[in-house]
Amino acid sequence: MENSDTRKLLQECDAGAKMAVTSIDEVLEKVCDSDMKHLLQESKKHHEKLGNEIHSLLDRCDTDEKDPSPMAKGMSWLKTNMKLGMDNSDATVADLITDGCNMGIKSLNKYLNEYEQADSSAKRLCKELTDIEEQLCTKLERYL
């Protein structure tokens, strides 16, 4: 598991999982519907669990974790606060999280294709992260 593609893919997955947790944290207190709040809390737990697995593999590769870019975090925070400032509803939260999931899915698939020499465990974690994002989008559809 020492190839460069494996390390890079794991780092991108790490940044993606962290971004998801941060994004969910930003909106969680704004959610009124208890089922939606539970859904987001469960998704956050799945992202954190997967993030821990990613960290474990990064440690075994002797590779540093990767945080989301400050620009991505800043733009996400700005968009979230602007949209919720105009319409503080569960539908707005669902829209924001769905947009974030779609961006994550797109990025993860790009990295999966870019780092095609990554080992199977890194690819599996990337696909698992993509699956979590897709499932969350599907479950949020009823709130849009």
Protein backbone atom coordinates (compact mmCIF):
# COMPACT_ATOMS: atom_id res chain seq x y z
CA MET A 1 0.00 0.00 0.00
CA GLU A 2 2.93 2.29 -0.50
CA ASN A 3 2.20 3.71 -3.94
CA SER A 4 1.63 7.40 -4.51
CA ASP A 5 -1.87 6.96 -5.95
CA THR A 6 -3.00 5.15 -2.82
CA ARG A 7 -1.70 7.91 -0.55
CA LYS A 8 -3.22 10.67 -2.68
CA LEU A 9 -6.61 8.97 -2.97
CA LEU A 10 -6.74 8.40 0.78
CA GLN A 11 -5.86 12.03 1.42
CA GLU A 12 -8.64 13.24 -0.87
CA CYS A 13 -11.11 10.89 0.82
CA ASP A 14 -9.95 12.22 4.18
CA ALA A 15 -10.56 15.81 3.11
CA GLY A 16 -13.97 14.84 1.72
CA ALA A 17 -15.08 13.07 4.88
CA LYS A 18 -13.96 16.01 7.01
CA MET A 19 -15.80 18.46 4.74
CA ALA A 20 -18.99 16.40 5.06
CA VAL A 21 -18.80 16.36 8.86
CA THR A 22 -18.16 20.12 8.96
CA SER A 23 -21.05 20.82 6.59
CA ILE A 24 -23.47 18.70 8.60
CA ASP A 25 -22.34 20.39 11.81
CA GLU A 26 -22.99 23.82 10.26
CA VAL A 27 -26.66 23.06 9.57
CA LEU A 28 -27.66 20.53 12.23
CA GLU A 29 -28.90 23.04 14.79
CA LYS A 30 -31.08 24.72 12.15
CA VAL A 31 -33.07 21.55 11.36
CA CYS A 32 -36.62 21.43 12.78
CA ASP A 33 -37.82 18.01 11.58
CA SER A 34 -36.70 15.32 14.05
CA ASP A 35 -36.44 12.61 11.36
CA MET A 36 -34.26 14.83 9.20
CA LYS A 37 -32.09 15.73 12.18
CA HIS A 38 -31.66 12.02 12.97
CA LEU A 39 -30.79 11.30 9.33
CA LEU A 40 -28.08 13.96 9.34
CA GLN A 41 -26.71 12.78 12.70
CA GLU A 42 -26.49 9.21 11.40
CA SER A 43 -24.77 10.35 8.22
CA LYS A 44 -22.29 12.35 10.29
CA LYS A 45 -21.51 9.20 12.32
CA HIS A 46 -20.96 7.20 9.11
CA HIS A 47 -18.62 9.89 7.77
CA GLU A 48 -16.68 9.98 11.05
CA LYS A 49 -16.39 6.18 11.16
CA LEU A 50 -15.14 6.08 7.58
CA GLY A 51 -12.79 8.98 8.35
CA ASN A 52 -11.29 6.91 11.18
CA GLU A 53 -10.69 4.01 8.79
CA ILE A 54 -9.06 6.40 6.32
CA HIS A 55 -6.82 7.79 9.09
CA SER A 56 -5.78 4.28 10.02
CA LEU A 57 -4.71 3.54 6.45
CA LEU A 58 -2.93 6.91 6.17
CA ASP A 59 -1.02 6.07 9.36
CA ARG A 60 0.02 2.71 7.92
CA CYS A 61 1.28 4.53 4.82
CA ASP A 62 3.08 7.04 7.03
CA THR A 63 1.14 9.79 5.22
CA ASP A 64 -0.32 12.96 6.68
CA GLU A 65 -4.04 13.62 6.88
CA LYS A 66 -5.52 16.21 4.54
CA ASP A 67 -7.91 18.94 5.57
CA PRO A 68 -10.39 20.48 3.14
CA SER A 69 -8.99 23.56 1.45
CA PRO A 70 -9.65 26.81 3.32
CA MET A 71 -11.26 28.18 0.15
CA ALA A 72 -13.72 25.28 -0.07
CA LYS A 73 -14.58 25.57 3.62
CA GLY A 74 -15.00 29.33 3.36
CA MET A 75 -17.20 29.16 0.29
CA SER A 76 -19.34 26.46 1.88
CA TRP A 77 -19.75 28.49 5.07
CA LEU A 78 -20.65 31.62 3.08
CA LYS A 79 -23.19 29.82 0.89
CA THR A 80 -24.75 28.08 3.87
CA ASN A 81 -25.14 31.24 5.90
CA MET A 82 -26.41 33.32 2.98
CA LYS A 83 -29.04 30.76 1.96
CA LEU A 84 -30.18 30.07 5.51
CA GLY A 85 -30.26 33.81 6.19
CA MET A 86 -32.77 34.21 3.37
CA ASP A 87 -34.78 31.05 4.10
CA ASN A 88 -34.12 29.21 7.34
CA SER A 89 -36.08 26.05 6.49
CA ASP A 90 -35.48 22.31 6.38
CA ALA A 91 -35.89 22.48 2.60
CA THR A 92 -32.97 24.91 2.40
CA VAL A 93 -30.85 22.64 4.59
CA ALA A 94 -31.74 19.65 2.39
CA ASP A 95 -30.83 21.67 -0.70
CA LEU A 96 -27.46 22.72 0.76
CA ILE A 97 -26.53 19.22 1.90
CA THR A 98 -27.64 17.72 -1.43
CA ASP A 99 -25.44 20.22 -3.30
CA GLY A 100 -22.53 19.32 -1.05
CA CYS A 101 -23.08 15.60 -1.56
CA ASN A 102 -23.19 16.06 -5.32
CA MET A 103 -19.92 18.02 -5.28
CA GLY A 104 -18.37 15.32 -3.09
CA ILE A 105 -19.54 12.52 -5.37
CA LYS A 106 -18.17 14.33 -8.42
CA SER A 107 -14.79 14.97 -6.75
CA LEU A 108 -14.44 11.47 -5.37
CA ASN A 109 -15.18 9.90 -8.76
CA LYS A 110 -12.66 12.25 -10.37
CA TYR A 111 -10.00 11.19 -7.87
CA LEU A 112 -10.90 7.53 -8.24
CA ASN A 113 -10.26 7.86 -11.98
CA GLU A 114 -7.17 10.03 -11.53
CA TYR A 115 -5.49 7.73 -9.01
CA GLU A 116 -6.25 4.48 -10.81
CA GLN A 117 -3.14 2.76 -9.44
CA ALA A 118 -4.40 3.09 -5.86
CA ASP A 119 -4.74 -0.19 -4.04
CA SER A 120 -8.06 -1.93 -3.53
CA SER A 121 -8.50 -0.86 0.10
CA ALA A 122 -8.22 2.83 -0.81
CA LYS A 123 -10.60 2.39 -3.73
CA ARG A 124 -13.06 0.54 -1.49
CA LEU A 125 -13.07 3.37 1.05
CA CYS A 126 -13.55 5.91 -1.73
CA LYS A 127 -16.52 3.98 -3.10
CA GLU A 128 -17.94 3.61 0.40
CA LEU A 129 -17.71 7.36 0.92
CA THR A 130 -19.40 7.94 -2.44
CA ASP A 131 -22.15 5.50 -1.48
CA ILE A 132 -22.78 7.33 1.80
CA GLU A 133 -23.13 10.60 -0.10
CA GLU A 134 -25.50 9.06 -2.67
CA GLN A 135 -27.67 7.51 0.04
CA LEU A 136 -27.90 10.80 1.91
CA CYS A 137 -28.99 12.61 -1.28
CA THR A 138 -31.69 10.03 -1.89
CA LYS A 139 -32.98 10.20 1.68
CA LEU A 140 -33.03 14.02 1.61
CA GLU A 141 -35.17 14.17 -1.55
CA ARG A 142 -38.40 14.18 0.46
CA TYR A 143 -37.32 17.37 2.24
CA LEU A 144 -36.55 19.38 -0.90
